[in-house]
Amino acid sequence: MPEVNVTIEWPDKQKDSIYSPSTVLLQYIKSGDSLSIQDFDERISQALQLASQRVYERYGFECTSAMGELARLKARIATINDKNQLIKVL
C-alpha cells in the first residue's frame, strides 16, 4: 500500500506531519485546504479509519500507526478552545 505524509499548519502556526498508510487520506484533505477544527476533525477521523480498514482488508489486521496518529491528532484538537480556527493543509 502506498503511504502518504501530509503537512498541516495548526492555528498557532506550528507545522505537523500526518501519516497515513493509504492514499485515501488525499480524498479527504488536500494541499491548499483551510479547514475549521471541527471539519478537520471529522475528515481526518474518516480518512484514517478508512485507511486502517484498507490495511485490515489486505493484511488481516488494522493499522496501529493510523490509529495512533488519529489519537495524537484528536488529543491536539482537544486543546484548542475556538473550534472556528483554521487548520491549513500545506
N, C-alpha and C. Protein backbone atom coordinates (compact mmCIF):
# COMPACT_ATOMS: atom_id res chain seq x y z
N MET A 1 0.84 -1.18 0.00
CA MET A 1 0.00 0.00 0.00
C MET A 1 0.89 1.24 0.00
N PRO A 2 0.54 2.21 -0.80
CA PRO A 2 1.33 3.45 -0.80
C PRO A 2 1.04 4.30 0.44
N GLU A 3 2.09 4.64 1.13
CA GLU A 3 1.96 5.50 2.31
C GLU A 3 1.93 6.96 1.88
N VAL A 4 1.34 7.80 2.74
CA VAL A 4 1.24 9.23 2.45
C VAL A 4 1.58 10.00 3.72
N ASN A 5 2.32 11.08 3.55
CA ASN A 5 2.55 12.05 4.62
C ASN A 5 2.07 13.40 4.12
N VAL A 6 1.26 14.06 4.93
CA VAL A 6 0.71 15.37 4.59
C VAL A 6 1.12 16.34 5.69
N THR A 7 1.51 17.54 5.32
CA THR A 7 1.88 18.56 6.30
C THR A 7 0.72 19.52 6.49
N ILE A 8 0.45 19.81 7.76
CA ILE A 8 -0.58 20.79 8.11
C ILE A 8 0.03 21.89 8.95
N GLU A 9 -0.69 23.00 9.05
CA GLU A 9 -0.30 24.10 9.93
C GLU A 9 -1.45 24.33 10.89
N TRP A 10 -1.17 24.15 12.17
CA TRP A 10 -2.17 24.37 13.22
C TRP A 10 -2.45 25.87 13.36
N PRO A 11 -3.53 26.25 14.03
CA PRO A 11 -3.85 27.68 14.21
C PRO A 11 -2.72 28.49 14.86
N ASP A 12 -1.89 27.84 15.69
CA ASP A 12 -0.78 28.55 16.34
C ASP A 12 0.47 28.62 15.45
N LYS A 13 0.30 28.25 14.17
CA LYS A 13 1.36 28.31 13.13
C LYS A 13 2.37 27.17 13.22
N GLN A 14 2.21 26.25 14.16
CA GLN A 14 3.10 25.09 14.22
C GLN A 14 2.78 24.15 13.07
N LYS A 15 3.81 23.62 12.44
CA LYS A 15 3.63 22.67 11.36
C LYS A 15 3.69 21.25 11.93
N ASP A 16 2.95 20.35 11.29
CA ASP A 16 2.85 18.97 11.77
C ASP A 16 2.70 18.06 10.55
N SER A 17 3.26 16.88 10.64
CA SER A 17 3.15 15.90 9.56
C SER A 17 2.15 14.82 9.97
N ILE A 18 1.27 14.46 9.04
CA ILE A 18 0.28 13.42 9.28
C ILE A 18 0.63 12.22 8.41
N TYR A 19 0.70 11.05 9.04
CA TYR A 19 0.99 9.80 8.34
C TYR A 19 -0.29 9.04 8.06
N SER A 20 -0.38 8.47 6.87
CA SER A 20 -1.48 7.56 6.53
C SER A 20 -0.89 6.38 5.76
N PRO A 21 -1.35 5.17 6.07
CA PRO A 21 -0.86 4.00 5.34
C PRO A 21 -1.49 3.87 3.95
N SER A 22 -2.37 4.79 3.60
CA SER A 22 -3.09 4.71 2.33
C SER A 22 -3.30 6.11 1.74
N THR A 23 -3.34 6.17 0.43
CA THR A 23 -3.59 7.44 -0.25
C THR A 23 -5.04 7.91 -0.08
N VAL A 24 -5.87 7.10 0.54
CA VAL A 24 -7.27 7.50 0.77
C VAL A 24 -7.33 8.83 1.53
N LEU A 25 -6.31 9.13 2.31
CA LEU A 25 -6.25 10.40 3.04
C LEU A 25 -6.43 11.58 2.10
N LEU A 26 -5.88 11.46 0.89
CA LEU A 26 -5.92 12.57 -0.07
C LEU A 26 -7.32 12.80 -0.65
N GLN A 27 -8.24 11.90 -0.39
CA GLN A 27 -9.63 12.11 -0.79
C GLN A 27 -10.37 12.98 0.23
N TYR A 28 -9.78 13.14 1.41
CA TYR A 28 -10.42 13.88 2.49
C TYR A 28 -9.77 15.24 2.75
N ILE A 29 -8.46 15.32 2.60
CA ILE A 29 -7.76 16.59 2.75
C ILE A 29 -6.73 16.71 1.63
N LYS A 30 -6.54 17.96 1.16
CA LYS A 30 -5.57 18.16 0.09
C LYS A 30 -4.86 19.50 0.28
N SER A 31 -3.72 19.60 -0.33
CA SER A 31 -2.93 20.82 -0.26
C SER A 31 -3.77 22.02 -0.68
N GLY A 32 -3.69 23.06 0.12
CA GLY A 32 -4.44 24.28 -0.16
C GLY A 32 -5.72 24.40 0.65
N ASP A 33 -6.17 23.30 1.25
CA ASP A 33 -7.38 23.34 2.08
C ASP A 33 -7.14 24.18 3.33
N SER A 34 -8.14 24.93 3.74
CA SER A 34 -8.19 25.59 5.04
C SER A 34 -9.48 25.11 5.69
N LEU A 35 -9.33 24.33 6.75
CA LEU A 35 -10.47 23.66 7.36
C LEU A 35 -10.67 24.11 8.80
N SER A 36 -11.93 24.28 9.19
CA SER A 36 -12.20 24.56 10.59
C SER A 36 -11.75 23.34 11.41
N ILE A 37 -11.52 23.55 12.68
CA ILE A 37 -11.11 22.46 13.55
C ILE A 37 -12.12 21.32 13.48
N GLN A 38 -13.39 21.65 13.54
CA GLN A 38 -14.44 20.63 13.51
C GLN A 38 -14.43 19.86 12.19
N ASP A 39 -14.32 20.56 11.07
CA ASP A 39 -14.30 19.91 9.77
C ASP A 39 -13.06 19.03 9.63
N PHE A 40 -11.92 19.55 10.06
CA PHE A 40 -10.68 18.77 10.00
C PHE A 40 -10.82 17.50 10.84
N ASP A 41 -11.36 17.64 12.05
CA ASP A 41 -11.55 16.50 12.95
C ASP A 41 -12.40 15.42 12.28
N GLU A 42 -13.50 15.82 11.69
CA GLU A 42 -14.38 14.86 11.02
C GLU A 42 -13.69 14.19 9.84
N ARG A 43 -13.03 14.99 9.02
CA ARG A 43 -12.38 14.44 7.82
C ARG A 43 -11.22 13.52 8.16
N ILE A 44 -10.38 13.95 9.10
CA ILE A 44 -9.21 13.15 9.43
C ILE A 44 -9.62 11.85 10.12
N SER A 45 -10.70 11.90 10.90
CA SER A 45 -11.21 10.68 11.54
C SER A 45 -11.68 9.68 10.49
N GLN A 46 -12.46 10.16 9.55
CA GLN A 46 -12.96 9.28 8.48
C GLN A 46 -11.80 8.72 7.66
N ALA A 47 -10.87 9.59 7.29
CA ALA A 47 -9.77 9.18 6.43
C ALA A 47 -8.88 8.13 7.08
N LEU A 48 -8.47 8.37 8.33
CA LEU A 48 -7.56 7.43 8.98
C LEU A 48 -8.25 6.13 9.36
N GLN A 49 -9.53 6.19 9.70
CA GLN A 49 -10.26 4.95 9.97
C GLN A 49 -10.39 4.12 8.70
N LEU A 50 -10.69 4.77 7.59
CA LEU A 50 -10.79 4.06 6.31
C LEU A 50 -9.43 3.51 5.89
N ALA A 51 -8.37 4.28 6.10
CA ALA A 51 -7.03 3.80 5.77
C ALA A 51 -6.69 2.55 6.58
N SER A 52 -7.02 2.57 7.86
CA SER A 52 -6.78 1.41 8.71
C SER A 52 -7.62 0.21 8.25
N GLN A 53 -8.84 0.48 7.84
CA GLN A 53 -9.72 -0.58 7.33
C GLN A 53 -9.14 -1.21 6.06
N ARG A 54 -8.55 -0.39 5.21
CA ARG A 54 -7.94 -0.92 3.99
C ARG A 54 -6.76 -1.83 4.31
N VAL A 55 -6.00 -1.47 5.33
CA VAL A 55 -4.90 -2.34 5.77
C VAL A 55 -5.49 -3.66 6.27
N TYR A 56 -6.57 -3.57 7.04
CA TYR A 56 -7.22 -4.78 7.56
C TYR A 56 -7.68 -5.69 6.41
N GLU A 57 -8.29 -5.10 5.42
CA GLU A 57 -8.79 -5.89 4.28
C GLU A 57 -7.66 -6.57 3.53
N ARG A 58 -6.52 -5.94 3.50
CA ARG A 58 -5.39 -6.51 2.75
C ARG A 58 -4.55 -7.48 3.58
N TYR A 59 -4.32 -7.13 4.86
CA TYR A 59 -3.39 -7.91 5.67
C TYR A 59 -4.03 -8.66 6.84
N GLY A 60 -5.29 -8.38 7.13
CA GLY A 60 -5.98 -9.08 8.21
C GLY A 60 -5.82 -8.46 9.59
N PHE A 61 -5.24 -7.27 9.66
CA PHE A 61 -5.13 -6.54 10.93
C PHE A 61 -5.19 -5.05 10.64
N GLU A 62 -5.70 -4.30 11.61
CA GLU A 62 -5.79 -2.85 11.44
C GLU A 62 -4.42 -2.20 11.58
N CYS A 63 -4.30 -1.01 11.06
CA CYS A 63 -3.04 -0.27 11.13
C CYS A 63 -2.96 0.50 12.44
N THR A 64 -2.12 0.02 13.34
CA THR A 64 -1.99 0.70 14.63
C THR A 64 -1.35 2.08 14.47
N SER A 65 -0.53 2.25 13.44
CA SER A 65 0.07 3.57 13.21
C SER A 65 -0.98 4.61 12.85
N ALA A 66 -1.94 4.22 12.02
CA ALA A 66 -3.02 5.15 11.64
C ALA A 66 -3.88 5.49 12.86
N MET A 67 -4.17 4.49 13.67
CA MET A 67 -5.00 4.74 14.85
C MET A 67 -4.23 5.56 15.89
N GLY A 68 -2.93 5.34 16.00
CA GLY A 68 -2.11 6.15 16.88
C GLY A 68 -2.03 7.59 16.41
N GLU A 69 -1.93 7.76 15.10
CA GLU A 69 -1.90 9.10 14.51
C GLU A 69 -3.22 9.83 14.79
N LEU A 70 -4.32 9.11 14.64
CA LEU A 70 -5.63 9.71 14.90
C LEU A 70 -5.75 10.11 16.37
N ALA A 71 -5.32 9.26 17.27
CA ALA A 71 -5.37 9.59 18.71
C ALA A 71 -4.52 10.82 19.02
N ARG A 72 -3.35 10.91 18.40
CA ARG A 72 -2.45 12.05 18.62
C ARG A 72 -3.10 13.34 18.13
N LEU A 73 -3.71 13.29 16.94
CA LEU A 73 -4.35 14.48 16.38
C LEU A 73 -5.56 14.89 17.21
N LYS A 74 -6.35 13.93 17.65
CA LYS A 74 -7.53 14.24 18.47
C LYS A 74 -7.12 14.86 19.81
N ALA A 75 -6.01 14.40 20.37
CA ALA A 75 -5.51 14.99 21.62
C ALA A 75 -5.12 16.44 21.40
N ARG A 76 -4.50 16.73 20.28
CA ARG A 76 -4.12 18.12 19.97
C ARG A 76 -5.36 18.98 19.72
N ILE A 77 -6.32 18.44 18.99
CA ILE A 77 -7.57 19.16 18.72
C ILE A 77 -8.28 19.51 20.02
N ALA A 78 -8.25 18.61 20.98
CA ALA A 78 -8.92 18.82 22.26
C ALA A 78 -8.36 20.01 23.03
N THR A 79 -7.13 20.42 22.72
CA THR A 79 -6.52 21.55 23.43
C THR A 79 -6.91 22.89 22.83
N ILE A 80 -7.60 22.88 21.69
CA ILE A 80 -7.97 24.12 21.00
C ILE A 80 -9.39 24.51 21.41
N ASN A 81 -9.52 25.65 22.06
CA ASN A 81 -10.83 26.10 22.55
C ASN A 81 -11.74 26.61 21.45
N ASP A 82 -11.21 27.40 20.56
CA ASP A 82 -12.01 28.00 19.49
C ASP A 82 -12.01 27.08 18.27
N LYS A 83 -13.08 26.32 18.12
CA LYS A 83 -13.17 25.34 17.03
C LYS A 83 -13.41 25.98 15.67
N ASN A 84 -13.56 27.31 15.63
CA ASN A 84 -13.72 28.01 14.35
C ASN A 84 -12.37 28.38 13.73
N GLN A 85 -11.30 28.20 14.48
CA GLN A 85 -9.97 28.46 13.93
C GLN A 85 -9.70 27.49 12.79
N LEU A 86 -8.74 27.85 11.94
CA LEU A 86 -8.48 27.06 10.75
C LEU A 86 -7.18 26.28 10.83
N ILE A 87 -7.22 25.10 10.24
CA ILE A 87 -6.03 24.29 10.00
C ILE A 87 -5.77 24.34 8.51
N LYS A 88 -4.53 24.65 8.15
CA LYS A 88 -4.17 24.72 6.73
C LYS A 88 -3.45 23.44 6.33
N VAL A 89 -3.82 22.91 5.19
CA VAL A 89 -3.12 21.75 4.62
C VAL A 89 -2.10 22.31 3.63
N LEU A 90 -0.84 22.04 3.89
CA LEU A 90 0.24 22.61 3.07
C LEU A 90 0.62 21.70 1.92
